[in-house]
Amino acid sequence: MKEVKIIPCLDIREGRVVKGVKFVNIKDARDPVEAAEAYCREGADELVFLDIFATVESRKTRLDWVRRVVEKVTIPFAVGGGISTLEDMKALIDSGVDKVSINTAAVKRPDLIKEAAREFGKDRLVVAIDGLKNPPGSNRPRLEVVVKSGNEPTGISIVDWARKVEKLGAGEILLTSKDADGTKEGYDIEMTLAVAEAVSIPVTASGGAGKLEHLYDAVVKAKASAVLAASIFHFKEISIREAKEYLKSRGIPVKQAPR
């Protein structure tokens, strides 16, 4: 098994880190630069910044906070939200962003994935997939892709979409369960496992982390390559060091956290 990455997620709204539950009930958490610096010191492997209202508000990711983060961050980081063209991606990469994450725009125009992979390389391209679980007999996919911050169902099967984005050239998948997001009741194991078994590219589990056991379950039961969390890290319920030491104690390879 390769080293499992521990990735804090920083949802951005109006230049601040925020956190919600099931994509709503948004609360302020902290300044993005302050948070990025702290996570770098603590030993996070990567960071993900998502401008969560950019698509809903039909605007681009604002570059002012991105540039502030670039000046301070010492580990790889991805930015998503409101990215719909190659020009959007180039602006972020030229600003110093390591990876770009696309979601709604990829669903609306899948060829964007192919074009981006060709232009920037698949290692710089993350396709974020937000999903929800439908009940039997709903006449909708059991695991369904949703877009526009989870507000718009698509009728697309998550597993089918995951296979397609890999074929088109995505370097990795960031999979978030809308049902689990912010609940601290655990990652959606069924959804994450279904995607991880359907593709060969790395899958990051997102949505629902509340205790250390949840991180372990995402890796062992759901076969995730990385675990992403927000609330437990932002509100200092669990530290990056604690997460890494716990996983290591249970036989999961991780990069050593700094002393």
Protein backbone atom coordinates (compact mmCIF):
# COMPACT_ATOMS: atom_id res chain seq x y z
CA MET A 1 0.00 0.00 0.00
CA LYS A 2 1.24 3.49 -0.86
CA GLU A 3 1.42 6.17 1.80
CA VAL A 4 -2.07 7.48 2.58
CA LYS A 5 -2.42 11.24 2.39
CA ILE A 6 -4.08 13.35 5.08
CA ILE A 7 -5.68 16.38 3.44
CA PRO A 8 -7.45 19.25 5.20
CA CYS A 9 -10.20 20.82 3.09
CA LEU A 10 -10.72 24.54 3.30
CA ASP A 11 -14.08 25.71 1.96
CA ILE A 12 -13.82 29.39 1.03
CA ARG A 13 -16.59 31.98 1.07
CA GLU A 14 -15.86 35.70 0.70
CA GLY A 15 -12.19 35.09 1.43
CA ARG A 16 -12.76 33.15 4.69
CA VAL A 17 -12.60 29.46 5.56
CA VAL A 18 -16.11 28.23 6.39
CA LYS A 19 -17.76 24.91 7.20
CA GLY A 20 -21.30 23.64 6.84
CA VAL A 21 -23.37 20.49 7.25
CA LYS A 22 -24.70 18.74 4.14
CA PHE A 23 -23.55 21.79 2.12
CA VAL A 24 -25.70 24.25 4.18
CA ASN A 25 -25.65 25.94 7.64
CA ILE A 26 -22.33 27.60 6.84
CA LYS A 27 -20.19 28.82 9.77
CA ASP A 28 -17.01 30.89 9.75
CA ALA A 29 -13.89 28.94 10.73
CA ARG A 30 -10.71 30.99 10.13
CA ASP A 31 -8.50 32.95 7.73
CA PRO A 32 -7.26 30.81 4.80
CA VAL A 33 -3.63 31.94 5.00
CA GLU A 34 -3.48 31.38 8.74
CA ALA A 35 -5.04 27.94 8.26
CA ALA A 36 -2.69 27.01 5.42
CA GLU A 37 0.38 27.97 7.44
CA ALA A 38 -0.82 25.96 10.44
CA TYR A 39 -1.53 22.85 8.39
CA CYS A 40 1.87 23.05 6.71
CA ARG A 41 3.55 23.17 10.13
CA GLU A 42 1.45 20.27 11.41
CA GLY A 43 2.41 17.95 8.57
CA ALA A 44 -0.58 17.87 6.24
CA ASP A 45 0.32 16.19 2.97
CA GLU A 46 -1.74 18.45 0.73
CA LEU A 47 -4.45 21.10 1.00
CA VAL A 48 -7.66 21.52 -0.95
CA PHE A 49 -9.31 24.94 -1.22
CA LEU A 50 -12.86 25.04 -2.59
CA ASP A 51 -14.54 28.35 -3.40
CA ILE A 52 -17.87 26.76 -2.60
CA PHE A 53 -20.20 29.48 -3.84
CA ALA A 54 -18.36 30.43 -7.02
CA THR A 55 -20.43 28.18 -9.29
CA VAL A 56 -23.72 28.90 -7.51
CA GLU A 57 -23.05 32.62 -7.84
CA SER A 58 -21.96 32.19 -11.49
CA ARG A 59 -18.52 33.68 -10.92
CA LYS A 60 -14.88 32.66 -11.10
CA THR A 61 -12.65 31.76 -8.18
CA ARG A 62 -11.32 35.01 -6.74
CA LEU A 63 -7.56 35.09 -7.11
CA ASP A 64 -6.78 37.51 -4.28
CA TRP A 65 -6.91 34.92 -1.49
CA VAL A 66 -5.22 32.36 -3.76
CA ARG A 67 -2.20 34.61 -4.20
CA ARG A 68 -2.01 35.21 -0.45
CA VAL A 69 -1.96 31.46 0.18
CA VAL A 70 0.68 30.83 -2.51
CA GLU A 71 3.07 33.15 -0.69
CA LYS A 72 2.92 31.08 2.50
CA VAL A 73 2.09 27.46 1.66
CA THR A 74 4.91 24.88 1.59
CA ILE A 75 2.99 21.78 0.45
CA PRO A 76 1.02 20.97 -2.71
CA PHE A 77 -2.47 22.39 -2.88
CA ALA A 78 -5.48 22.29 -5.16
CA VAL A 79 -8.10 24.94 -5.81
CA GLY A 80 -11.63 24.38 -7.08
CA GLY A 81 -14.84 26.33 -7.49
CA GLY A 82 -16.05 28.33 -10.46
CA ILE A 83 -13.47 26.82 -12.83
CA SER A 84 -15.06 26.28 -16.23
CA THR A 85 -12.41 26.97 -18.88
CA LEU A 86 -8.78 26.29 -19.68
CA GLU A 87 -8.16 29.98 -19.13
CA ASP A 88 -9.49 29.71 -15.57
CA MET A 89 -7.12 26.84 -14.93
CA LYS A 90 -4.14 28.61 -16.46
CA ALA A 91 -4.75 31.68 -14.29
CA LEU A 92 -4.65 29.53 -11.17
CA ILE A 93 -1.63 27.49 -12.22
CA ASP A 94 0.22 30.66 -13.24
CA SER A 95 -0.57 32.01 -9.76
CA GLY A 96 1.24 29.05 -8.21
CA VAL A 97 -1.55 26.52 -7.61
CA ASP A 98 -0.35 22.92 -7.93
CA LYS A 99 -3.64 21.34 -9.00
CA VAL A 100 -7.02 22.50 -10.21
CA SER A 101 -10.26 20.80 -9.28
CA ILE A 102 -13.26 20.84 -11.59
CA ASN A 103 -16.75 19.59 -10.87
CA THR A 104 -19.91 21.14 -12.35
CA ALA A 105 -18.13 22.32 -15.50
CA ALA A 106 -16.84 18.80 -16.17
CA VAL A 107 -20.33 17.33 -15.89
CA LYS A 108 -21.72 20.01 -18.20
CA ARG A 109 -18.92 19.53 -20.75
CA PRO A 110 -16.91 16.33 -20.23
CA ASP A 111 -14.44 17.16 -23.01
CA LEU A 112 -13.06 19.85 -20.69
CA ILE A 113 -11.35 17.03 -18.78
CA LYS A 114 -9.61 15.76 -21.89
CA GLU A 115 -8.55 19.25 -22.94
CA ALA A 116 -7.23 20.10 -19.48
CA ALA A 117 -5.28 16.85 -19.17
CA ARG A 118 -3.68 17.49 -22.54
CA GLU A 119 -2.88 21.13 -21.76
CA PHE A 120 -1.63 20.87 -18.17
CA GLY A 121 -1.01 17.16 -17.57
CA LYS A 122 -3.22 14.76 -15.66
CA ASP A 123 -1.18 15.20 -12.47
CA ARG A 124 -2.54 18.74 -12.20
CA LEU A 125 -6.16 17.76 -12.77
CA VAL A 126 -8.57 16.68 -10.03
CA VAL A 127 -12.16 15.89 -10.88
CA ALA A 128 -14.36 16.46 -7.84
CA ILE A 129 -17.52 14.39 -7.69
CA ASP A 130 -20.32 15.26 -5.27
CA GLY A 131 -22.88 12.54 -4.75
CA LEU A 132 -25.93 11.49 -2.82
CA LYS A 133 -27.56 8.16 -2.10
CA ASN A 134 -31.08 7.54 -3.38
CA PRO A 135 -33.50 5.03 -1.81
CA PRO A 136 -34.52 1.87 -3.67
CA GLY A 137 -37.52 2.42 -5.94
CA SER A 138 -36.72 6.10 -6.52
CA ASN A 139 -36.14 5.55 -10.25
CA ARG A 140 -32.86 7.40 -9.87
CA PRO A 141 -29.31 6.02 -9.68
CA ARG A 142 -28.57 4.51 -6.28
CA LEU A 143 -25.44 6.70 -6.14
CA GLU A 144 -26.14 9.92 -8.07
CA VAL A 145 -23.91 12.80 -9.12
CA VAL A 146 -25.07 16.23 -7.96
CA VAL A 147 -23.68 19.59 -9.07
CA LYS A 148 -23.84 23.29 -8.18
CA SER A 149 -22.86 22.73 -4.54
CA GLY A 150 -25.14 19.71 -4.34
CA ASN A 151 -28.25 21.62 -5.33
CA GLU A 152 -28.82 20.06 -8.74
CA PRO A 153 -29.26 16.31 -9.32
CA THR A 154 -28.03 15.05 -12.67
CA GLY A 155 -29.46 11.56 -13.10
CA ILE A 156 -25.88 10.33 -13.66
CA SER A 157 -24.53 7.28 -11.85
CA ILE A 158 -21.45 8.13 -9.78
CA VAL A 159 -19.70 4.91 -10.80
CA ASP A 160 -20.35 5.49 -14.49
CA TRP A 161 -19.14 9.08 -14.19
CA ALA A 162 -16.01 8.07 -12.30
CA ARG A 163 -15.07 5.59 -15.02
CA LYS A 164 -15.66 8.23 -17.67
CA VAL A 165 -13.54 10.93 -16.01
CA GLU A 166 -10.67 8.47 -15.65
CA LYS A 167 -10.93 7.57 -19.33
CA LEU A 168 -10.96 11.27 -20.27
CA GLY A 169 -7.72 11.91 -18.40
CA ALA A 170 -8.43 12.91 -14.79
CA GLY A 171 -5.42 12.36 -12.54
CA GLU A 172 -7.46 11.75 -9.39
CA ILE A 173 -10.98 11.90 -8.00
CA LEU A 174 -12.15 13.87 -4.97
CA LEU A 175 -15.37 12.16 -3.88
CA THR A 176 -17.71 13.92 -1.45
CA SER A 177 -20.92 12.48 -0.04
CA LYS A 178 -23.49 15.24 0.37
CA ASP A 179 -25.42 13.05 2.81
CA ALA A 180 -22.38 12.63 5.07
CA ASP A 181 -20.85 16.10 4.70
CA GLY A 182 -20.28 17.78 8.06
CA THR A 183 -22.22 15.13 10.00
CA LYS A 184 -19.11 13.62 11.67
CA GLU A 185 -20.82 10.22 11.40
CA GLY A 186 -18.27 8.70 9.04
CA TYR A 187 -17.47 8.64 5.36
CA ASP A 188 -19.93 7.01 2.97
CA ILE A 189 -18.19 3.65 2.71
CA GLU A 190 -20.55 2.25 0.09
CA MET A 191 -20.07 5.20 -2.24
CA THR A 192 -16.31 5.47 -1.77
CA LEU A 193 -15.71 1.76 -2.23
CA ALA A 194 -17.85 1.66 -5.36
CA VAL A 195 -15.75 4.38 -6.96
CA ALA A 196 -12.38 3.10 -5.71
CA GLU A 197 -13.09 -0.34 -7.16
CA ALA A 198 -14.28 1.12 -10.47
CA VAL A 199 -11.14 3.16 -11.29
CA SER A 200 -7.38 2.83 -11.05
CA ILE A 201 -6.60 6.50 -10.31
CA PRO A 202 -6.40 7.72 -6.69
CA VAL A 203 -9.69 8.41 -4.91
CA THR A 204 -9.86 10.82 -1.98
CA ALA A 205 -12.69 10.19 0.49
CA SER A 206 -14.50 13.31 1.67
CA GLY A 207 -17.50 14.07 3.84
CA GLY A 208 -18.31 12.83 7.31
CA ALA A 209 -15.06 12.42 9.24
CA GLY A 210 -15.74 12.75 12.97
CA LYS A 211 -13.27 10.46 14.72
CA LEU A 212 -10.03 8.66 14.05
CA GLU A 213 -11.73 5.34 13.27
CA HIS A 214 -13.51 6.97 10.35
CA LEU A 215 -10.17 7.73 8.68
CA TYR A 216 -9.10 4.10 9.07
CA ASP A 217 -12.41 2.80 7.70
CA ALA A 218 -12.14 5.01 4.61
CA VAL A 219 -8.75 3.49 3.78
CA VAL A 220 -9.34 -0.14 4.76
CA LYS A 221 -13.04 -0.65 4.10
CA ALA A 222 -13.51 1.82 1.24
CA LYS A 223 -10.02 1.59 -0.34
CA ALA A 224 -9.47 5.36 -0.44
CA SER A 225 -5.97 6.59 -1.35
CA ALA A 226 -6.36 9.72 0.77
CA VAL A 227 -8.69 11.06 3.43
CA LEU A 228 -9.93 14.62 3.40
CA ALA A 229 -11.55 16.33 6.36
CA ALA A 230 -12.54 19.81 7.46
CA SER A 231 -14.44 20.20 10.74
CA ILE A 232 -12.26 17.91 12.85
CA PHE A 233 -9.13 19.78 11.80
CA HIS A 234 -10.50 23.35 11.67
CA PHE A 235 -12.01 23.17 15.14
CA LYS A 236 -9.00 21.29 16.56
CA GLU A 237 -10.92 18.17 17.53
CA ILE A 238 -8.20 16.01 15.95
CA SER A 239 -4.74 17.15 14.88
CA ILE A 240 -2.88 16.09 11.75
CA ARG A 241 -0.29 14.44 14.01
CA GLU A 242 -2.94 12.46 15.88
CA ALA A 243 -4.46 11.29 12.60
CA LYS A 244 -1.12 10.13 11.25
CA GLU A 245 0.00 8.44 14.46
CA TYR A 246 -3.33 6.63 14.74
CA LEU A 247 -3.24 5.34 11.17
CA LYS A 248 0.39 4.30 11.55
CA SER A 249 -0.43 2.42 14.76
CA ARG A 250 -3.02 0.43 12.81
CA GLY A 251 -0.63 -0.50 10.02
CA ILE A 252 -1.49 2.21 7.49
CA PRO A 253 1.59 3.79 5.87
CA VAL A 254 1.68 7.57 6.23
CA LYS A 255 4.33 10.26 5.89
CA GLN A 256 5.88 11.11 9.25
CA ALA A 257 4.49 14.26 10.84
CA PRO A 258 7.11 16.82 11.94
CA ARG A 259 8.10 16.92 15.60
